[in-house]
Amino acid sequence: MITAIYPGTFDPITNGHSDIVSRATNLFDKVIVAVAKSTSKTTAFTIDERVAMANQALDGLERVEVVSFDGLMTQFARECNAKVIVRGLRAVSDFENEFQMAGMNRHLNDTAETVFLTPAEHLSFISSSLVREVASFGGDVSKFVHDNIREALQQRLAK
């Protein structure tokens, strides 16, 4: 059985993230969506809210587990016996940072391989930070996130 881990902040989880998870389920026996507790990023939602939103957005996908983690993702991957770290690439500009991170991850956990997946083309420009920004100005983000997440964003961020 091959377990993959898809780590991130997921603040909020977008349709692009969901697409990556769906694609990963076609390749791996189990996909763990690992929501980072500690992050250098400022988040709009608590860890419990981000986990709940990810569970809502991914409801119906089989062999997917959403969990939170704290600390090094590579250590968490080892604890979960994950042999694959899934990373999403939206554009060429993402590659340099992701490539560097993959090298560090390999150094920290040489039992896990990094696999890069791309979302569907119509989702490739979506990022959590862009979705939060649009929502904060009252813009329509319904094409970018699950309905429940759109509602949570409107309540939390609307000016």
N, C-alpha and C. Protein backbone atom coordinates (compact mmCIF):
# COMPACT_ATOMS: atom_id res chain seq x y z
N MET A 1 0.85 -1.18 0.00
CA MET A 1 0.00 0.00 0.00
C MET A 1 0.89 1.24 0.00
N ILE A 2 0.62 2.15 -0.90
CA ILE A 2 1.39 3.38 -0.98
C ILE A 2 0.55 4.53 -0.46
N THR A 3 1.07 5.15 0.61
CA THR A 3 0.42 6.30 1.21
C THR A 3 1.15 7.56 0.77
N ALA A 4 0.37 8.55 0.38
CA ALA A 4 0.93 9.85 -0.01
C ALA A 4 0.43 10.90 0.97
N ILE A 5 1.25 11.90 1.18
CA ILE A 5 0.88 13.01 2.05
C ILE A 5 0.86 14.29 1.20
N TYR A 6 -0.19 15.07 1.35
CA TYR A 6 -0.32 16.35 0.64
C TYR A 6 -0.38 17.43 1.71
N PRO A 7 0.76 18.06 2.01
CA PRO A 7 0.81 19.04 3.09
C PRO A 7 0.51 20.45 2.61
N GLY A 8 0.00 21.26 3.52
CA GLY A 8 -0.23 22.66 3.19
C GLY A 8 -0.92 23.39 4.32
N THR A 9 -1.08 24.67 4.11
CA THR A 9 -1.78 25.51 5.08
C THR A 9 -3.28 25.41 4.85
N PHE A 10 -3.69 25.37 3.57
CA PHE A 10 -5.09 25.23 3.20
C PHE A 10 -5.96 26.27 3.88
N ASP A 11 -5.61 27.53 3.68
CA ASP A 11 -6.31 28.64 4.33
C ASP A 11 -6.88 29.60 3.30
N PRO A 12 -7.96 29.24 2.66
CA PRO A 12 -8.75 28.03 2.76
C PRO A 12 -8.33 27.02 1.68
N ILE A 13 -8.88 25.81 1.79
CA ILE A 13 -8.67 24.83 0.73
C ILE A 13 -9.46 25.30 -0.49
N THR A 14 -8.83 25.27 -1.65
CA THR A 14 -9.46 25.74 -2.89
C THR A 14 -9.84 24.57 -3.78
N ASN A 15 -10.54 24.87 -4.85
CA ASN A 15 -10.87 23.84 -5.83
C ASN A 15 -9.61 23.29 -6.50
N GLY A 16 -8.56 24.11 -6.56
CA GLY A 16 -7.28 23.63 -7.08
C GLY A 16 -6.68 22.57 -6.17
N HIS A 17 -6.73 22.81 -4.86
CA HIS A 17 -6.26 21.81 -3.91
C HIS A 17 -7.08 20.53 -4.05
N SER A 18 -8.39 20.67 -4.10
CA SER A 18 -9.27 19.51 -4.21
C SER A 18 -8.96 18.70 -5.47
N ASP A 19 -8.65 19.40 -6.56
CA ASP A 19 -8.31 18.74 -7.81
C ASP A 19 -7.02 17.94 -7.66
N ILE A 20 -6.03 18.51 -7.00
CA ILE A 20 -4.77 17.80 -6.77
C ILE A 20 -5.03 16.54 -5.93
N VAL A 21 -5.83 16.66 -4.88
CA VAL A 21 -6.14 15.50 -4.04
C VAL A 21 -6.85 14.43 -4.85
N SER A 22 -7.81 14.84 -5.66
CA SER A 22 -8.53 13.89 -6.50
C SER A 22 -7.57 13.16 -7.45
N ARG A 23 -6.66 13.90 -8.07
CA ARG A 23 -5.68 13.28 -8.96
C ARG A 23 -4.77 12.32 -8.20
N ALA A 24 -4.40 12.71 -6.98
CA ALA A 24 -3.53 11.85 -6.17
C ALA A 24 -4.22 10.54 -5.81
N THR A 25 -5.54 10.56 -5.61
CA THR A 25 -6.25 9.32 -5.27
C THR A 25 -6.25 8.33 -6.44
N ASN A 26 -6.02 8.83 -7.64
CA ASN A 26 -5.91 7.94 -8.80
C ASN A 26 -4.55 7.25 -8.86
N LEU A 27 -3.59 7.76 -8.10
CA LEU A 27 -2.23 7.24 -8.15
C LEU A 27 -1.81 6.47 -6.91
N PHE A 28 -2.41 6.80 -5.76
CA PHE A 28 -1.96 6.23 -4.49
C PHE A 28 -3.12 5.59 -3.75
N ASP A 29 -2.79 4.62 -2.90
CA ASP A 29 -3.80 3.89 -2.16
C ASP A 29 -4.49 4.74 -1.10
N LYS A 30 -3.73 5.65 -0.50
CA LYS A 30 -4.27 6.52 0.53
C LYS A 30 -3.61 7.88 0.39
N VAL A 31 -4.40 8.94 0.57
CA VAL A 31 -3.88 10.31 0.52
C VAL A 31 -4.21 10.98 1.84
N ILE A 32 -3.18 11.43 2.52
CA ILE A 32 -3.35 12.17 3.77
C ILE A 32 -3.18 13.65 3.45
N VAL A 33 -4.24 14.41 3.66
CA VAL A 33 -4.17 15.86 3.51
C VAL A 33 -3.75 16.39 4.87
N ALA A 34 -2.51 16.88 4.93
CA ALA A 34 -1.90 17.29 6.20
C ALA A 34 -1.94 18.80 6.33
N VAL A 35 -2.79 19.28 7.22
CA VAL A 35 -2.99 20.71 7.42
C VAL A 35 -2.01 21.19 8.50
N ALA A 36 -1.15 22.12 8.12
CA ALA A 36 -0.10 22.59 9.03
C ALA A 36 -0.66 23.49 10.12
N LYS A 37 -0.35 23.14 11.37
CA LYS A 37 -0.73 23.98 12.51
C LYS A 37 0.15 25.21 12.55
N SER A 38 1.45 24.98 12.62
CA SER A 38 2.38 26.10 12.72
C SER A 38 2.85 26.48 11.33
N THR A 39 2.78 27.74 11.06
CA THR A 39 3.14 28.23 9.74
C THR A 39 3.66 29.65 9.86
N SER A 40 4.50 30.02 8.94
CA SER A 40 4.98 31.41 8.93
C SER A 40 3.96 32.33 8.28
N LYS A 41 2.95 31.74 7.67
CA LYS A 41 1.91 32.53 7.02
C LYS A 41 0.86 32.97 8.04
N THR A 42 0.27 34.12 7.80
CA THR A 42 -0.86 34.57 8.60
C THR A 42 -2.10 33.88 8.05
N THR A 43 -2.84 33.23 8.91
CA THR A 43 -4.02 32.50 8.47
C THR A 43 -5.29 33.21 8.91
N ALA A 44 -6.32 33.07 8.11
CA ALA A 44 -7.61 33.66 8.43
C ALA A 44 -8.44 32.74 9.31
N PHE A 45 -8.12 31.44 9.26
CA PHE A 45 -8.91 30.44 9.98
C PHE A 45 -8.02 29.65 10.93
N THR A 46 -8.61 29.18 12.00
CA THR A 46 -7.88 28.35 12.97
C THR A 46 -7.58 27.00 12.35
N ILE A 47 -6.73 26.25 13.00
CA ILE A 47 -6.40 24.91 12.51
C ILE A 47 -7.65 24.03 12.47
N ASP A 48 -8.48 24.09 13.49
CA ASP A 48 -9.70 23.27 13.50
C ASP A 48 -10.65 23.66 12.38
N GLU A 49 -10.75 24.97 12.09
CA GLU A 49 -11.61 25.42 11.00
C GLU A 49 -11.05 24.95 9.66
N ARG A 50 -9.74 25.02 9.48
CA ARG A 50 -9.14 24.60 8.21
C ARG A 50 -9.30 23.10 7.99
N VAL A 51 -9.16 22.32 9.05
CA VAL A 51 -9.38 20.87 8.93
C VAL A 51 -10.84 20.58 8.58
N ALA A 52 -11.76 21.25 9.25
CA ALA A 52 -13.19 21.04 8.98
C ALA A 52 -13.54 21.43 7.55
N MET A 53 -13.00 22.56 7.08
CA MET A 53 -13.29 22.98 5.71
C MET A 53 -12.71 22.00 4.70
N ALA A 54 -11.51 21.49 4.97
CA ALA A 54 -10.91 20.51 4.06
C ALA A 54 -11.77 19.24 4.02
N ASN A 55 -12.24 18.81 5.18
CA ASN A 55 -13.12 17.63 5.21
C ASN A 55 -14.38 17.86 4.39
N GLN A 56 -14.96 19.06 4.50
CA GLN A 56 -16.17 19.37 3.72
C GLN A 56 -15.86 19.36 2.23
N ALA A 57 -14.78 20.02 1.84
CA ALA A 57 -14.45 20.13 0.41
C ALA A 57 -14.10 18.79 -0.21
N LEU A 58 -13.56 17.88 0.59
CA LEU A 58 -13.10 16.59 0.06
C LEU A 58 -14.07 15.46 0.34
N ASP A 59 -15.22 15.80 0.92
CA ASP A 59 -16.23 14.79 1.21
C ASP A 59 -16.60 14.04 -0.06
N GLY A 60 -16.61 12.74 0.01
CA GLY A 60 -16.95 11.94 -1.15
C GLY A 60 -15.73 11.33 -1.84
N LEU A 61 -14.55 11.87 -1.57
CA LEU A 61 -13.34 11.26 -2.13
C LEU A 61 -12.93 10.10 -1.23
N GLU A 62 -12.78 8.94 -1.82
CA GLU A 62 -12.41 7.76 -1.05
C GLU A 62 -10.92 7.73 -0.79
N ARG A 63 -10.54 7.12 0.32
CA ARG A 63 -9.14 6.91 0.70
C ARG A 63 -8.40 8.20 0.99
N VAL A 64 -9.16 9.22 1.44
CA VAL A 64 -8.57 10.51 1.81
C VAL A 64 -8.83 10.74 3.29
N GLU A 65 -7.77 11.13 3.98
CA GLU A 65 -7.86 11.45 5.40
C GLU A 65 -7.30 12.86 5.59
N VAL A 66 -8.03 13.69 6.32
CA VAL A 66 -7.58 15.05 6.62
C VAL A 66 -7.16 15.09 8.08
N VAL A 67 -5.93 15.52 8.31
CA VAL A 67 -5.41 15.61 9.67
C VAL A 67 -4.58 16.88 9.81
N SER A 68 -4.40 17.32 11.03
CA SER A 68 -3.50 18.44 11.28
C SER A 68 -2.18 17.89 11.78
N PHE A 69 -1.13 18.68 11.60
CA PHE A 69 0.17 18.29 12.11
C PHE A 69 0.92 19.54 12.54
N ASP A 70 1.90 19.32 13.39
CA ASP A 70 2.73 20.41 13.88
C ASP A 70 4.18 19.97 13.77
N GLY A 71 5.03 20.85 13.34
CA GLY A 71 6.44 20.51 13.23
C GLY A 71 6.83 20.23 11.79
N LEU A 72 7.89 19.45 11.64
CA LEU A 72 8.40 19.16 10.31
C LEU A 72 7.48 18.19 9.56
N MET A 73 7.11 18.58 8.37
CA MET A 73 6.25 17.72 7.55
C MET A 73 6.94 16.39 7.25
N THR A 74 8.25 16.41 7.05
CA THR A 74 8.98 15.18 6.73
C THR A 74 8.92 14.19 7.89
N GLN A 75 8.97 14.69 9.11
CA GLN A 75 8.83 13.82 10.28
C GLN A 75 7.41 13.26 10.36
N PHE A 76 6.43 14.12 10.09
CA PHE A 76 5.04 13.66 10.10
C PHE A 76 4.82 12.60 9.01
N ALA A 77 5.41 12.81 7.84
CA ALA A 77 5.30 11.81 6.76
C ALA A 77 5.88 10.48 7.22
N ARG A 78 7.00 10.52 7.91
CA ARG A 78 7.62 9.29 8.42
C ARG A 78 6.68 8.61 9.41
N GLU A 79 6.08 9.39 10.31
CA GLU A 79 5.16 8.84 11.31
C GLU A 79 3.94 8.20 10.66
N CYS A 80 3.51 8.74 9.52
CA CYS A 80 2.34 8.21 8.80
C CYS A 80 2.72 7.10 7.82
N ASN A 81 4.01 6.81 7.74
CA ASN A 81 4.53 5.83 6.78
C ASN A 81 4.20 6.23 5.34
N ALA A 82 4.19 7.54 5.10
CA ALA A 82 3.93 8.04 3.74
C ALA A 82 5.21 7.93 2.93
N LYS A 83 5.11 7.33 1.78
CA LYS A 83 6.27 7.14 0.90
C LYS A 83 6.34 8.20 -0.17
N VAL A 84 5.29 9.02 -0.27
CA VAL A 84 5.22 10.04 -1.32
C VAL A 84 4.74 11.36 -0.70
N ILE A 85 5.40 12.43 -1.08
CA ILE A 85 4.98 13.78 -0.72
C ILE A 85 4.45 14.41 -1.99
N VAL A 86 3.19 14.76 -2.00
CA VAL A 86 2.56 15.37 -3.18
C VAL A 86 2.65 16.88 -3.05
N ARG A 87 3.10 17.51 -4.09
CA ARG A 87 3.17 18.98 -4.14
C ARG A 87 2.47 19.43 -5.42
N GLY A 88 1.71 20.50 -5.32
CA GLY A 88 1.02 21.05 -6.48
C GLY A 88 1.85 22.13 -7.14
N LEU A 89 1.83 22.13 -8.44
CA LEU A 89 2.49 23.18 -9.23
C LEU A 89 1.44 23.86 -10.09
N ARG A 90 1.29 25.17 -9.89
CA ARG A 90 0.33 25.93 -10.69
C ARG A 90 0.99 26.50 -11.93
N ALA A 91 2.23 26.94 -11.78
CA ALA A 91 2.92 27.62 -12.88
C ALA A 91 4.41 27.33 -12.79
N VAL A 92 5.12 27.67 -13.83
CA VAL A 92 6.56 27.47 -13.85
C VAL A 92 7.21 28.21 -12.69
N SER A 93 6.66 29.35 -12.32
CA SER A 93 7.22 30.15 -11.23
C SER A 93 7.21 29.40 -9.90
N ASP A 94 6.32 28.44 -9.72
CA ASP A 94 6.28 27.63 -8.50
C ASP A 94 7.44 26.64 -8.43
N PHE A 95 7.97 26.26 -9.59
CA PHE A 95 8.88 25.13 -9.65
C PHE A 95 10.17 25.35 -8.86
N GLU A 96 10.78 26.51 -8.97
CA GLU A 96 12.07 26.72 -8.31
C GLU A 96 11.97 26.51 -6.80
N ASN A 97 10.97 27.12 -6.17
CA ASN A 97 10.79 26.95 -4.73
C ASN A 97 10.45 25.50 -4.38
N GLU A 98 9.57 24.89 -5.15
CA GLU A 98 9.16 23.51 -4.89
C GLU A 98 10.33 22.54 -5.09
N PHE A 99 11.15 22.80 -6.09
CA PHE A 99 12.33 21.96 -6.35
C PHE A 99 13.30 22.03 -5.17
N GLN A 100 13.52 23.23 -4.67
CA GLN A 100 14.40 23.42 -3.52
C GLN A 100 13.82 22.71 -2.29
N MET A 101 12.52 22.85 -2.08
CA MET A 101 11.87 22.19 -0.95
C MET A 101 11.96 20.67 -1.08
N ALA A 102 11.81 20.15 -2.28
CA ALA A 102 11.90 18.70 -2.50
C ALA A 102 13.29 18.19 -2.13
N GLY A 103 14.31 18.97 -2.46
CA GLY A 103 15.67 18.58 -2.09
C GLY A 103 15.86 18.54 -0.59
N MET A 104 15.37 19.55 0.10
CA MET A 104 15.46 19.57 1.56
C MET A 104 14.66 18.42 2.16
N ASN A 105 13.46 18.19 1.64
CA ASN A 105 12.64 17.08 2.15
C ASN A 105 13.35 15.75 1.98
N ARG A 106 14.01 15.55 0.85
CA ARG A 106 14.75 14.30 0.59
C ARG A 106 15.89 14.16 1.61
N HIS A 107 16.54 15.28 1.91
CA HIS A 107 17.62 15.25 2.90
C HIS A 107 17.08 14.88 4.29
N LEU A 108 15.91 15.41 4.64
CA LEU A 108 15.33 15.17 5.96
C LEU A 108 14.63 13.82 6.08
N ASN A 109 14.14 13.30 4.95
CA ASN A 109 13.43 12.02 4.95
C ASN A 109 13.68 11.33 3.61
N ASP A 110 14.73 10.52 3.58
CA ASP A 110 15.11 9.89 2.31
C ASP A 110 14.26 8.68 1.95
N THR A 111 13.22 8.40 2.76
CA THR A 111 12.32 7.29 2.44
C THR A 111 11.09 7.75 1.67
N ALA A 112 10.94 9.07 1.49
CA ALA A 112 9.77 9.62 0.78
C ALA A 112 10.22 10.35 -0.48
N GLU A 113 9.52 10.11 -1.55
CA GLU A 113 9.77 10.80 -2.83
C GLU A 113 8.75 11.90 -3.02
N THR A 114 9.18 12.99 -3.62
CA THR A 114 8.27 14.08 -3.93
C THR A 114 7.74 13.90 -5.34
N VAL A 115 6.43 14.05 -5.48
CA VAL A 115 5.77 13.97 -6.78
C VAL A 115 5.03 15.29 -6.99
N PHE A 116 5.22 15.89 -8.15
CA PHE A 116 4.55 17.14 -8.49
C PHE A 116 3.33 16.85 -9.35
N LEU A 117 2.21 17.42 -8.98
CA LEU A 117 0.98 17.30 -9.77
C LEU A 117 0.49 18.70 -10.11
N THR A 118 -0.13 18.82 -11.26
CA THR A 118 -0.70 20.10 -11.68
C THR A 118 -2.22 20.00 -11.67
N PRO A 119 -2.87 21.08 -11.30
CA PRO A 119 -4.34 21.06 -11.34
C PRO A 119 -4.83 21.23 -12.78
N ALA A 120 -6.11 21.04 -12.97
CA ALA A 120 -6.73 21.31 -14.27
C ALA A 120 -6.42 22.75 -14.67
N GLU A 121 -6.31 22.99 -15.95
CA GLU A 121 -5.90 24.30 -16.46
C GLU A 121 -6.78 25.43 -15.94
N HIS A 122 -8.08 25.21 -15.85
CA HIS A 122 -8.97 26.28 -15.40
C HIS A 122 -8.83 26.58 -13.90
N LEU A 123 -8.03 25.79 -13.19
CA LEU A 123 -7.79 26.02 -11.77
C LEU A 123 -6.35 26.45 -11.48
N SER A 124 -5.54 26.56 -12.50
CA SER A 124 -4.10 26.76 -12.30
C SER A 124 -3.72 28.13 -11.75
N PHE A 125 -4.58 29.09 -11.80
CA PHE A 125 -4.25 30.44 -11.30
C PHE A 125 -4.75 30.68 -9.88
N ILE A 126 -5.46 29.72 -9.31
CA ILE A 126 -6.08 29.89 -8.00
C ILE A 126 -5.06 29.64 -6.90
N SER A 127 -5.03 30.54 -5.94
CA SER A 127 -4.25 30.33 -4.72
C SER A 127 -5.12 30.76 -3.53
N SER A 128 -4.83 30.19 -2.38
CA SER A 128 -5.59 30.56 -1.18
C SER A 128 -5.49 32.05 -0.90
N SER A 129 -4.30 32.61 -1.06
CA SER A 129 -4.14 34.03 -0.75
C SER A 129 -4.94 34.91 -1.71
N LEU A 130 -4.99 34.55 -2.99
CA LEU A 130 -5.81 35.32 -3.94
C LEU A 130 -7.29 35.20 -3.61
N VAL A 131 -7.72 34.00 -3.26
CA VAL A 131 -9.12 33.79 -2.91
C VAL A 131 -9.48 34.62 -1.67
N ARG A 132 -8.60 34.61 -0.66
CA ARG A 132 -8.86 35.42 0.54
C ARG A 132 -8.94 36.90 0.19
N GLU A 133 -8.04 37.36 -0.67
CA GLU A 133 -8.03 38.77 -1.04
C GLU A 133 -9.31 39.17 -1.77
N VAL A 134 -9.72 38.37 -2.73
CA VAL A 134 -10.94 38.67 -3.47
C VAL A 134 -12.14 38.67 -2.52
N ALA A 135 -12.21 37.67 -1.65
CA ALA A 135 -13.32 37.59 -0.70
C ALA A 135 -13.32 38.77 0.28
N SER A 136 -12.14 39.25 0.65
CA SER A 136 -12.06 40.36 1.61
C SER A 136 -12.64 41.65 1.05
N PHE A 137 -12.70 41.74 -0.28
CA PHE A 137 -13.29 42.92 -0.92
C PHE A 137 -14.70 42.65 -1.43
N GLY A 138 -15.27 41.53 -0.98
CA GLY A 138 -16.63 41.21 -1.34
C GLY A 138 -16.80 40.59 -2.71
N GLY A 139 -15.69 40.16 -3.32
CA GLY A 139 -15.75 39.55 -4.65
C GLY A 139 -16.31 38.14 -4.61
N ASP A 140 -16.79 37.69 -5.74
CA ASP A 140 -17.39 36.36 -5.86
C ASP A 140 -16.29 35.31 -6.03
N VAL A 141 -16.17 34.42 -5.06
CA VAL A 141 -15.16 33.35 -5.12
C VAL A 141 -15.82 31.98 -5.31
N SER A 142 -17.07 31.97 -5.70
CA SER A 142 -17.82 30.71 -5.80
C SER A 142 -17.24 29.72 -6.80
N LYS A 143 -16.50 30.20 -7.80
CA LYS A 143 -15.90 29.29 -8.77
C LYS A 143 -14.57 28.71 -8.29
N PHE A 144 -14.10 29.19 -7.15
CA PHE A 144 -12.76 28.81 -6.69
C PHE A 144 -12.75 27.94 -5.45
N VAL A 145 -13.87 27.92 -4.70
CA VAL A 145 -13.94 27.16 -3.46
C VAL A 145 -15.31 26.50 -3.32
N HIS A 146 -15.37 25.52 -2.46
CA HIS A 146 -16.61 24.83 -2.10
C HIS A 146 -17.59 25.85 -1.51
N ASP A 147 -18.89 25.65 -1.68
CA ASP A 147 -19.91 26.60 -1.21
C ASP A 147 -19.79 26.93 0.28
N ASN A 148 -19.56 25.91 1.12
CA ASN A 148 -19.44 26.17 2.56
C ASN A 148 -18.23 27.04 2.87
N ILE A 149 -17.19 26.87 2.12
CA ILE A 149 -15.98 27.66 2.33
C ILE A 149 -16.21 29.10 1.87
N ARG A 150 -16.91 29.26 0.77
CA ARG A 150 -17.27 30.61 0.30
C ARG A 150 -18.03 31.35 1.38
N GLU A 151 -19.00 30.67 1.99
CA GLU A 151 -19.80 31.30 3.04
C GLU A 151 -18.93 31.67 4.24
N ALA A 152 -18.04 30.78 4.63
CA ALA A 152 -17.14 31.05 5.77
C ALA A 152 -16.24 32.22 5.46
N LEU A 153 -15.73 32.30 4.25
CA LEU A 153 -14.89 33.43 3.84
C LEU A 153 -15.65 34.74 3.89
N GLN A 154 -16.87 34.72 3.37
CA GLN A 154 -17.68 35.94 3.38
C GLN A 154 -17.92 36.43 4.79
N GLN A 155 -18.22 35.51 5.68
CA GLN A 155 -18.48 35.89 7.07
C GLN A 155 -17.22 36.40 7.76
N ARG A 156 -16.08 35.77 7.48
CA ARG A 156 -14.85 36.10 8.17
C ARG A 156 -14.15 37.34 7.61
N LEU A 157 -14.20 37.51 6.27
CA LEU A 157 -13.33 38.48 5.63
C LEU A 157 -14.01 39.70 5.02
N ALA A 158 -15.29 39.64 4.78
CA ALA A 158 -15.95 40.74 4.08
C ALA A 158 -15.80 42.05 4.85
N LYS A 159 -15.52 43.11 4.10
CA LYS A 159 -15.34 44.44 4.71
C LYS A 159 -16.64 45.21 4.66
